Amino acid sequence: MDPGLQLVLAAYLFIIILAHGLDYLNFKHLKRCGLIIPPEFSGQIDPNMLTRTRDYVIEKTRFGFISSLFGQAVLILFLFGGLLNWYNARIAAFNIHFIPAGLLFFVGLSYAQTLLNIPFDLYRVFKLENKFGFNNTSVKLWLTDTFKSLVVSTILLGLLIVIGLGLVKLFPGAWWLCVWGFFLIFSLFIMYISPYVLEPLFNKFTPLEESGLSQEIRDLMQKAGIKLSRIFKIDASKRSKHTNAYFTGIGKVKRIVLYDTLIEKMEKNEILAVLAHEVGHWKKKHLLKMIVFSEILALLLSYVAFRILETGFLIKLFQLQNDTFFAKLIILGFLLSLAYFPFQPVFNYFSRKHEHEADRFSRELTGTADGMISALVKLSKDNLSNLHPHPLYAAFHYSHPPVVERIKQLKKTDSPGF
């Protein structure tokens, strides 16, 4: 094996060891502290619930370790064991046009990944989630969802590949800029049409029937200066007992979608607080900031990719027999994922900062932190959330602050003189 390739493999193995080390650190921390009731949950949770929470997190951790280890082994075999070379050569042997070849190359890999993930998804849904009382999905519904997801992902991936590779052929000296612009427009388009076209394929959307709650939501949105189009309830309970709520829409006009499980389990003031939190993300322009930052980064990386792909460096590094654009893209994507790993805590830090800002906005809009605090407690209990994540693990993996930390901050904002 080439010394450069040995160095890349060593870097990947180091990241794997570090990632699993964080999992182990979190695992041991939970076993040591998992049965301690935090002061913020005093009177809200009992030892039996904590035991169930600890067991759920431990089983999820073990399952995550096995599934990620399998995926990492497959990736090592594919990139470093010769499978990429073999697969790339098979596609090249068809001797077909650039765009159909790329379509076959990437869709084939997508299908292979889906096939490999099926046993783990089945275990997660029908064993792990079922054991702890979360799963409501039938085998028939799972099969239907899997088929729909495959069809939708094939269509969307196919469009991205055909148009993206078409731009590469049409603008060989500036494809990096054209492809970046197309991906930006495409992602915004998907954000716009998803609530109207894609999401109804999987869930039934009905207007919110609880008139009192509906009016209070509209009053809250009007107070925040948001023009609300419609409020919907979706039948999330047919799949899971987990709860959620979210905003959709681009621009000033918004739609609110509530899980039926959320309406069933929460009081009005808690639902309003959760929605006020989501309003906070919009009013503080968190999504806009994230899009702007990610697109600037994507533009920079597109140019870097363009410059690297012009050379034979990647083909030489991985000793591929056929110099194809597709294989080089796969290798480059892998190398960029290695470079991203040390920045993961930085991005998560800003994400957690945004969550704290949205929590404070919820308190300001509703006039009290009580609704948000009680909502967080219920969400934690209902989802069996880990109340004792290790700080290092949370820094790397948590896009939201640990729930105990969020409640502490909310209580500070509700204290006199804050």
Protein backbone atom coordinates (compact mmCIF):
# COMPACT_ATOMS: atom_id res chain seq x y z
CA MET A 1 0.00 0.00 0.00
CA ASP A 2 1.26 3.49 -0.92
CA PRO A 3 2.66 5.44 2.10
CA GLY A 4 0.22 8.27 1.40
CA LEU A 5 -2.70 5.85 1.42
CA GLN A 6 -1.40 4.30 4.64
CA LEU A 7 -1.44 7.78 6.18
CA VAL A 8 -5.06 8.35 5.09
CA LEU A 9 -6.10 4.96 6.50
CA ALA A 10 -4.29 5.72 9.76
CA ALA A 11 -6.12 9.07 10.02
CA TYR A 12 -9.47 7.35 9.47
CA LEU A 13 -8.70 4.64 12.04
CA PHE A 14 -7.67 7.35 14.51
CA ILE A 15 -11.02 9.12 14.01
CA ILE A 16 -12.88 5.82 14.45
CA ILE A 17 -11.03 5.11 17.70
CA LEU A 18 -11.66 8.64 18.95
CA ALA A 19 -15.37 8.48 18.06
CA HIS A 20 -15.86 5.13 19.79
CA GLY A 21 -13.79 6.39 22.70
CA LEU A 22 -16.31 9.21 23.14
CA ASP A 23 -19.13 6.66 23.01
CA TYR A 24 -17.40 4.61 25.70
CA LEU A 25 -16.82 7.72 27.82
CA ASN A 26 -20.50 8.60 27.58
CA PHE A 27 -21.47 5.00 28.28
CA LYS A 28 -19.40 4.83 31.47
CA HIS A 29 -20.59 8.26 32.61
CA LEU A 30 -24.21 7.18 32.19
CA LYS A 31 -23.68 3.92 34.12
CA ARG A 32 -22.09 5.94 36.92
CA CYS A 33 -24.54 8.87 37.07
CA GLY A 34 -27.62 7.59 35.24
CA LEU A 35 -29.70 6.96 38.38
CA ILE A 36 -29.06 10.39 39.93
CA ILE A 37 -32.11 12.67 39.70
CA PRO A 38 -31.02 16.18 38.62
CA PRO A 39 -32.43 19.02 40.78
CA GLU A 40 -34.23 20.36 37.69
CA PHE A 41 -36.21 17.10 37.51
CA SER A 42 -36.91 16.78 41.23
CA GLY A 43 -40.48 15.62 41.71
CA GLN A 44 -40.88 15.11 37.95
CA ILE A 45 -39.10 11.80 37.53
CA ASP A 46 -38.64 8.70 39.68
CA PRO A 47 -35.87 6.06 39.90
CA ASN A 48 -37.88 3.61 37.77
CA MET A 49 -38.07 6.12 34.94
CA LEU A 50 -34.35 6.86 35.26
CA THR A 51 -33.57 3.13 35.13
CA ARG A 52 -35.66 2.80 31.96
CA THR A 53 -33.95 5.87 30.47
CA ARG A 54 -30.50 4.51 31.29
CA ASP A 55 -31.33 1.11 29.79
CA TYR A 56 -32.69 2.73 26.60
CA VAL A 57 -29.62 4.93 26.12
CA ILE A 58 -27.27 2.02 26.83
CA GLU A 59 -29.02 -0.20 24.30
CA LYS A 60 -29.01 2.59 21.72
CA THR A 61 -25.30 3.11 22.34
CA ARG A 62 -24.55 -0.58 21.86
CA PHE A 63 -26.66 -0.73 18.74
CA GLY A 64 -25.00 2.43 17.39
CA PHE A 65 -21.57 0.94 18.07
CA ILE A 66 -22.35 -2.25 16.15
CA SER A 67 -24.04 -0.49 13.21
CA SER A 68 -21.33 2.17 12.88
CA LEU A 69 -18.56 -0.44 13.17
CA PHE A 70 -20.18 -2.41 10.37
CA GLY A 71 -20.48 0.70 8.21
CA GLN A 72 -16.87 1.65 8.89
CA ALA A 73 -15.66 -1.85 8.01
CA VAL A 74 -17.59 -1.76 4.73
CA LEU A 75 -16.14 1.68 3.92
CA ILE A 76 -12.58 0.50 4.62
CA LEU A 77 -13.13 -2.56 2.45
CA PHE A 78 -14.62 -0.42 -0.32
CA LEU A 79 -11.99 2.33 -0.38
CA PHE A 80 -8.86 0.53 0.80
CA GLY A 81 -9.63 -3.10 -0.02
CA GLY A 82 -10.03 -2.77 -3.76
CA LEU A 83 -13.84 -2.73 -4.12
CA LEU A 84 -13.89 0.86 -5.40
CA ASN A 85 -11.29 -0.09 -7.99
CA TRP A 86 -13.36 -3.11 -9.04
CA TYR A 87 -16.66 -1.20 -9.12
CA ASN A 88 -15.14 1.73 -11.00
CA ALA A 89 -13.66 -0.64 -13.58
CA ARG A 90 -17.03 -2.40 -14.07
CA ILE A 91 -18.78 0.90 -14.76
CA ALA A 92 -16.00 2.03 -17.11
CA ALA A 93 -16.25 -1.30 -18.98
CA PHE A 94 -19.79 -0.44 -20.13
CA ASN A 95 -18.18 2.32 -22.23
CA ILE A 96 -21.29 4.51 -22.10
CA HIS A 97 -21.74 8.28 -22.12
CA PHE A 98 -20.47 10.36 -19.19
CA ILE A 99 -23.88 11.21 -17.72
CA PRO A 100 -25.50 7.71 -17.90
CA ALA A 101 -22.27 6.26 -16.51
CA GLY A 102 -22.39 8.68 -13.59
CA LEU A 103 -26.06 7.92 -13.01
CA LEU A 104 -25.34 4.19 -12.91
CA PHE A 105 -22.29 4.71 -10.67
CA PHE A 106 -23.96 6.83 -7.96
CA VAL A 107 -27.44 5.25 -8.01
CA GLY A 108 -25.81 1.83 -7.73
CA LEU A 109 -23.88 2.92 -4.65
CA SER A 110 -27.04 4.46 -3.18
CA TYR A 111 -28.97 1.22 -3.62
CA ALA A 112 -26.13 -0.80 -2.11
CA GLN A 113 -26.08 1.46 0.95
CA THR A 114 -29.87 1.17 1.31
CA LEU A 115 -29.68 -2.62 1.09
CA LEU A 116 -26.93 -2.81 3.72
CA ASN A 117 -28.89 -0.53 6.07
CA ILE A 118 -32.12 -2.54 5.93
CA PRO A 119 -31.23 -5.13 8.64
CA PHE A 120 -30.15 -2.36 11.03
CA ASP A 121 -33.29 -0.32 10.36
CA LEU A 122 -35.47 -3.39 10.95
CA TYR A 123 -33.73 -4.10 14.25
CA ARG A 124 -33.96 -0.47 15.37
CA VAL A 125 -37.68 -0.15 14.58
CA PHE A 126 -39.04 -3.58 15.48
CA LYS A 127 -36.64 -4.60 18.26
CA LEU A 128 -35.09 -1.60 19.98
CA GLU A 129 -37.91 0.96 19.63
CA ASN A 130 -40.51 -1.72 20.19
CA LYS A 131 -38.86 -2.93 23.41
CA PHE A 132 -39.17 0.51 24.98
CA GLY A 133 -42.70 1.18 23.77
CA PHE A 134 -41.99 3.75 21.06
CA ASN A 135 -42.78 1.82 17.89
CA ASN A 136 -46.24 1.87 16.31
CA THR A 137 -45.06 0.94 12.81
CA SER A 138 -46.47 -2.18 11.20
CA VAL A 139 -44.43 -4.31 8.81
CA LYS A 140 -46.75 -3.25 5.99
CA LEU A 141 -46.23 0.45 6.77
CA TRP A 142 -42.46 -0.03 7.03
CA LEU A 143 -42.39 -1.71 3.62
CA THR A 144 -44.54 1.05 2.13
CA ASP A 145 -42.34 3.77 3.62
CA THR A 146 -39.19 2.04 2.41
CA PHE A 147 -40.55 1.74 -1.13
CA LYS A 148 -41.73 5.36 -1.23
CA SER A 149 -38.41 6.60 0.16
CA LEU A 150 -36.52 4.59 -2.45
CA VAL A 151 -38.63 6.00 -5.29
CA VAL A 152 -38.40 9.60 -4.07
CA SER A 153 -34.66 9.40 -3.36
CA THR A 154 -34.03 7.81 -6.78
CA ILE A 155 -35.90 10.60 -8.57
CA LEU A 156 -34.21 13.39 -6.60
CA LEU A 157 -30.75 11.81 -6.77
CA GLY A 158 -31.23 11.16 -10.47
CA LEU A 159 -32.09 14.81 -11.11
CA LEU A 160 -29.06 15.99 -9.13
CA ILE A 161 -26.72 13.62 -10.96
CA VAL A 162 -28.02 14.25 -14.49
CA ILE A 163 -28.11 18.05 -14.20
CA GLY A 164 -24.92 18.24 -12.12
CA LEU A 165 -22.90 16.11 -14.52
CA GLY A 166 -24.47 17.95 -17.45
CA LEU A 167 -23.10 21.21 -16.04
CA VAL A 168 -19.68 19.59 -15.64
CA LYS A 169 -19.68 18.72 -19.36
CA LEU A 170 -21.10 22.05 -20.53
CA PHE A 171 -18.82 24.26 -18.45
CA PRO A 172 -15.53 22.38 -17.96
CA GLY A 173 -13.69 25.45 -16.68
CA ALA A 174 -16.40 26.78 -14.37
CA TRP A 175 -18.51 23.77 -13.45
CA TRP A 176 -17.70 24.23 -9.76
CA LEU A 177 -19.58 27.54 -9.73
CA CYS A 178 -22.47 26.29 -11.89
CA VAL A 179 -22.96 23.11 -9.86
CA TRP A 180 -22.82 25.08 -6.60
CA GLY A 181 -25.48 27.49 -7.90
CA PHE A 182 -27.70 24.64 -9.08
CA PHE A 183 -27.43 22.77 -5.78
CA LEU A 184 -28.35 25.96 -3.90
CA ILE A 185 -31.44 26.56 -6.05
CA PHE A 186 -32.40 22.89 -5.87
CA SER A 187 -32.15 22.77 -2.05
CA LEU A 188 -34.28 25.92 -1.69
CA PHE A 189 -36.80 24.45 -4.14
CA ILE A 190 -37.01 21.23 -2.12
CA MET A 191 -37.48 23.25 1.09
CA TYR A 192 -40.42 24.99 -0.58
CA ILE A 193 -42.18 22.02 -2.20
CA SER A 194 -41.48 19.42 0.50
CA PRO A 195 -44.45 20.40 2.74
CA TYR A 196 -46.82 20.30 -0.25
CA VAL A 197 -45.51 17.36 -2.28
CA LEU A 198 -43.08 15.11 -0.39
CA GLU A 199 -44.29 15.08 3.24
CA PRO A 200 -47.93 14.21 2.32
CA LEU A 201 -46.60 11.03 0.70
CA PHE A 202 -45.79 9.73 4.17
CA ASN A 203 -48.24 11.44 6.52
CA LYS A 204 -51.82 12.63 6.47
CA PHE A 205 -52.12 16.37 7.07
CA THR A 206 -55.40 17.63 8.53
CA PRO A 207 -56.33 21.13 9.75
CA LEU A 208 -56.03 21.50 13.51
CA GLU A 209 -59.48 20.84 14.94
CA GLU A 210 -58.91 22.15 18.47
CA SER A 211 -60.34 25.64 17.89
CA GLY A 212 -59.16 27.08 21.22
CA LEU A 213 -55.59 25.93 20.64
CA SER A 214 -55.70 27.05 17.01
CA GLN A 215 -56.76 30.58 17.97
CA GLU A 216 -54.12 30.86 20.70
CA ILE A 217 -51.45 29.78 18.21
CA ARG A 218 -52.63 32.42 15.74
CA ASP A 219 -52.59 35.07 18.48
CA LEU A 220 -49.04 34.06 19.41
CA MET A 221 -47.88 34.23 15.80
CA GLN A 222 -49.51 37.63 15.34
CA LYS A 223 -47.71 38.87 18.45
CA ALA A 224 -44.43 37.68 16.92
CA GLY A 225 -45.20 39.40 13.62
CA ILE A 226 -45.58 36.20 11.62
CA LYS A 227 -48.25 35.74 8.97
CA LEU A 228 -49.64 32.24 9.42
CA SER A 229 -51.25 30.43 6.53
CA ARG A 230 -52.53 27.20 8.08
CA ILE A 231 -52.06 24.96 11.13
CA PHE A 232 -51.90 21.23 10.52
CA LYS A 233 -51.86 18.07 12.56
CA ILE A 234 -50.15 14.95 11.20
CA ASP A 235 -50.75 11.33 12.09
CA ALA A 236 -47.24 10.70 13.43
CA SER A 237 -48.61 8.24 15.99
CA LYS A 238 -49.07 5.58 13.31
CA ARG A 239 -45.28 5.20 13.30
CA SER A 240 -43.94 6.29 16.65
CA LYS A 241 -44.83 7.73 20.05
CA HIS A 242 -42.09 10.37 19.79
CA THR A 243 -43.31 13.98 19.70
CA ASN A 244 -42.42 16.99 17.55
CA ALA A 245 -43.61 20.24 15.97
CA TYR A 246 -42.11 22.36 13.20
CA PHE A 247 -42.49 25.34 10.89
CA THR A 248 -42.48 25.13 7.11
CA GLY A 249 -42.47 27.76 4.41
CA ILE A 250 -40.07 30.25 2.89
CA GLY A 251 -40.51 33.99 3.48
CA LYS A 252 -42.95 35.64 5.85
CA VAL A 253 -45.84 33.22 5.38
CA LYS A 254 -45.50 30.10 7.55
CA ARG A 255 -47.30 26.83 8.13
CA ILE A 256 -47.24 25.08 11.49
CA VAL A 257 -47.28 21.30 11.71
CA LEU A 258 -47.98 19.55 15.02
CA TYR A 259 -47.55 15.85 15.68
CA ASP A 260 -50.75 14.32 17.03
CA THR A 261 -48.60 12.80 19.78
CA LEU A 262 -47.55 16.30 20.86
CA ILE A 263 -51.16 17.51 21.06
CA GLU A 264 -52.11 14.42 23.04
CA LYS A 265 -49.31 14.66 25.62
CA MET A 266 -48.86 18.40 26.19
CA GLU A 267 -50.88 21.22 27.69
CA LYS A 268 -51.70 24.35 25.70
CA ASN A 269 -49.07 26.51 27.42
CA GLU A 270 -46.41 23.87 26.68
CA ILE A 271 -47.36 23.63 23.00
CA LEU A 272 -47.32 27.42 22.71
CA ALA A 273 -43.88 27.56 24.37
CA VAL A 274 -42.48 24.96 21.94
CA LEU A 275 -43.87 26.91 18.98
CA ALA A 276 -42.50 30.16 20.43
CA HIS A 277 -39.10 28.45 20.53
CA GLU A 278 -39.43 27.66 16.80
CA VAL A 279 -40.49 31.25 16.17
CA GLY A 280 -37.30 32.29 17.94
CA HIS A 281 -35.20 30.43 15.37
CA TRP A 282 -36.97 32.32 12.59
CA LYS A 283 -36.90 35.75 14.24
CA LYS A 284 -33.22 35.38 15.13
CA LYS A 285 -32.55 34.32 11.51
CA HIS A 286 -30.81 31.11 12.59
CA LEU A 287 -31.85 29.21 9.46
CA LEU A 288 -30.76 32.08 7.22
CA LYS A 289 -27.40 32.33 8.99
CA MET A 290 -26.91 28.58 8.68
CA ILE A 291 -27.76 28.63 4.96
CA VAL A 292 -25.46 31.59 4.25
CA PHE A 293 -22.56 30.05 6.18
CA SER A 294 -23.00 26.58 4.70
CA GLU A 295 -23.30 27.94 1.16
CA ILE A 296 -20.17 30.08 1.51
CA LEU A 297 -18.35 27.01 2.78
CA ALA A 298 -19.85 24.91 -0.04
CA LEU A 299 -18.69 27.47 -2.60
CA LEU A 300 -15.17 27.38 -1.22
CA LEU A 301 -15.13 23.58 -1.15
CA SER A 302 -16.51 23.43 -4.69
CA TYR A 303 -13.56 25.44 -5.95
CA VAL A 304 -11.09 23.35 -3.93
CA ALA A 305 -12.69 20.19 -5.36
CA PHE A 306 -12.42 21.62 -8.88
CA ARG A 307 -8.71 22.29 -8.46
CA ILE A 308 -7.98 18.88 -6.92
CA LEU A 309 -10.05 16.94 -9.48
CA GLU A 310 -8.08 18.56 -12.30
CA THR A 311 -5.01 16.67 -11.10
CA GLY A 312 -4.30 12.95 -11.01
CA PHE A 313 -3.51 13.08 -7.29
CA LEU A 314 -6.55 11.13 -6.07
CA ILE A 315 -6.26 8.39 -8.66
CA LYS A 316 -2.56 7.97 -7.88
CA LEU A 317 -3.18 8.03 -4.11
CA PHE A 318 -5.81 5.26 -4.25
CA GLN A 319 -4.11 3.46 -7.16
CA LEU A 320 -7.24 3.25 -9.30
CA GLN A 321 -6.94 1.60 -12.70
CA ASN A 322 -9.52 3.86 -14.37
CA ASP A 323 -9.32 7.65 -14.10
CA THR A 324 -13.02 8.51 -13.73
CA PHE A 325 -14.60 11.69 -12.44
CA PHE A 326 -17.05 9.66 -10.32
CA ALA A 327 -14.45 7.67 -8.41
CA LYS A 328 -12.48 10.84 -7.70
CA LEU A 329 -15.63 12.48 -6.30
CA ILE A 330 -16.17 9.57 -3.92
CA ILE A 331 -12.56 9.72 -2.71
CA LEU A 332 -12.66 13.49 -2.33
CA GLY A 333 -15.89 13.30 -0.35
CA PHE A 334 -14.28 10.79 2.00
CA LEU A 335 -11.20 12.99 2.52
CA LEU A 336 -13.37 16.03 3.21
CA SER A 337 -15.30 14.04 5.83
CA LEU A 338 -12.00 13.38 7.61
CA ALA A 339 -11.17 17.09 7.50
CA TYR A 340 -14.64 17.95 8.88
CA PHE A 341 -14.35 15.79 12.00
CA PRO A 342 -12.27 18.18 14.17
CA PHE A 343 -14.65 21.04 13.28
CA GLN A 344 -17.74 19.11 14.39
CA PRO A 345 -17.67 20.51 17.97
CA VAL A 346 -17.36 24.05 16.58
CA PHE A 347 -20.46 23.74 14.42
CA ASN A 348 -22.38 22.08 17.24
CA TYR A 349 -21.34 24.86 19.61
CA PHE A 350 -23.03 27.48 17.43
CA SER A 351 -26.08 25.23 16.99
CA ARG A 352 -26.42 24.91 20.78
CA LYS A 353 -25.98 28.67 21.09
CA HIS A 354 -28.91 29.14 18.71
CA GLU A 355 -31.05 26.77 20.79
CA HIS A 356 -30.37 28.84 23.94
CA GLU A 357 -31.32 31.99 22.04
CA ALA A 358 -34.57 30.38 20.86
CA ASP A 359 -35.34 29.27 24.42
CA ARG A 360 -34.89 32.85 25.67
CA PHE A 361 -37.11 34.13 22.88
CA SER A 362 -39.80 31.62 23.88
CA ARG A 363 -39.68 32.98 27.43
CA GLU A 364 -39.93 36.59 26.17
CA LEU A 365 -42.78 35.88 23.75
CA THR A 366 -44.91 33.86 26.18
CA GLY A 367 -43.98 35.96 29.23
CA THR A 368 -42.76 33.00 31.28
CA ALA A 369 -40.30 30.11 31.10
CA ASP A 370 -42.68 27.72 32.86
CA GLY A 371 -44.25 26.36 29.66
CA MET A 372 -40.91 25.68 28.00
CA ILE A 373 -39.46 24.10 31.13
CA SER A 374 -42.40 21.74 31.62
CA ALA A 375 -42.37 20.95 27.88
CA LEU A 376 -38.68 20.02 28.05
CA VAL A 377 -39.30 17.82 31.07
CA LYS A 378 -42.14 16.01 29.29
CA LEU A 379 -40.15 15.65 26.07
CA SER A 380 -37.23 14.18 28.02
CA LYS A 381 -39.46 11.72 29.86
CA ASP A 382 -41.44 10.73 26.77
CA ASN A 383 -38.32 10.22 24.64
CA LEU A 384 -36.19 8.71 27.45
CA SER A 385 -33.50 11.33 26.82
CA ASN A 386 -30.12 10.99 28.49
CA LEU A 387 -30.06 13.45 31.41
CA HIS A 388 -26.35 12.82 32.08
CA PRO A 389 -24.36 13.02 28.82
CA HIS A 390 -20.61 13.33 29.23
CA PRO A 391 -19.52 16.93 28.42
CA LEU A 392 -17.01 15.82 25.76
CA TYR A 393 -19.56 13.57 24.09
CA ALA A 394 -22.13 16.38 24.11
CA ALA A 395 -19.58 18.79 22.63
CA PHE A 396 -18.99 16.48 19.65
CA HIS A 397 -22.48 15.11 19.08
CA TYR A 398 -25.15 17.40 20.55
CA SER A 399 -26.64 20.02 18.23
CA HIS A 400 -28.99 20.91 21.14
CA PRO A 401 -27.76 21.67 24.67
CA PRO A 402 -28.31 18.86 27.18
CA VAL A 403 -31.81 19.26 28.59
CA VAL A 404 -30.67 19.87 32.18
CA GLU A 405 -28.47 22.73 30.95
CA ARG A 406 -31.40 24.21 28.98
CA ILE A 407 -33.67 24.15 32.00
CA LYS A 408 -31.00 25.79 34.18
CA GLN A 409 -30.64 28.61 31.67
CA LEU A 410 -34.41 29.07 31.39
CA LYS A 411 -34.76 29.29 35.17
CA LYS A 412 -32.10 32.01 35.18
CA THR A 413 -34.03 34.04 32.62
CA ASP A 414 -37.16 33.69 34.75
CA SER A 415 -35.41 34.82 37.93
CA PRO A 416 -35.97 38.40 39.22
CA GLY A 417 -33.48 40.93 37.98
CA PHE A 418 -32.34 38.90 34.98
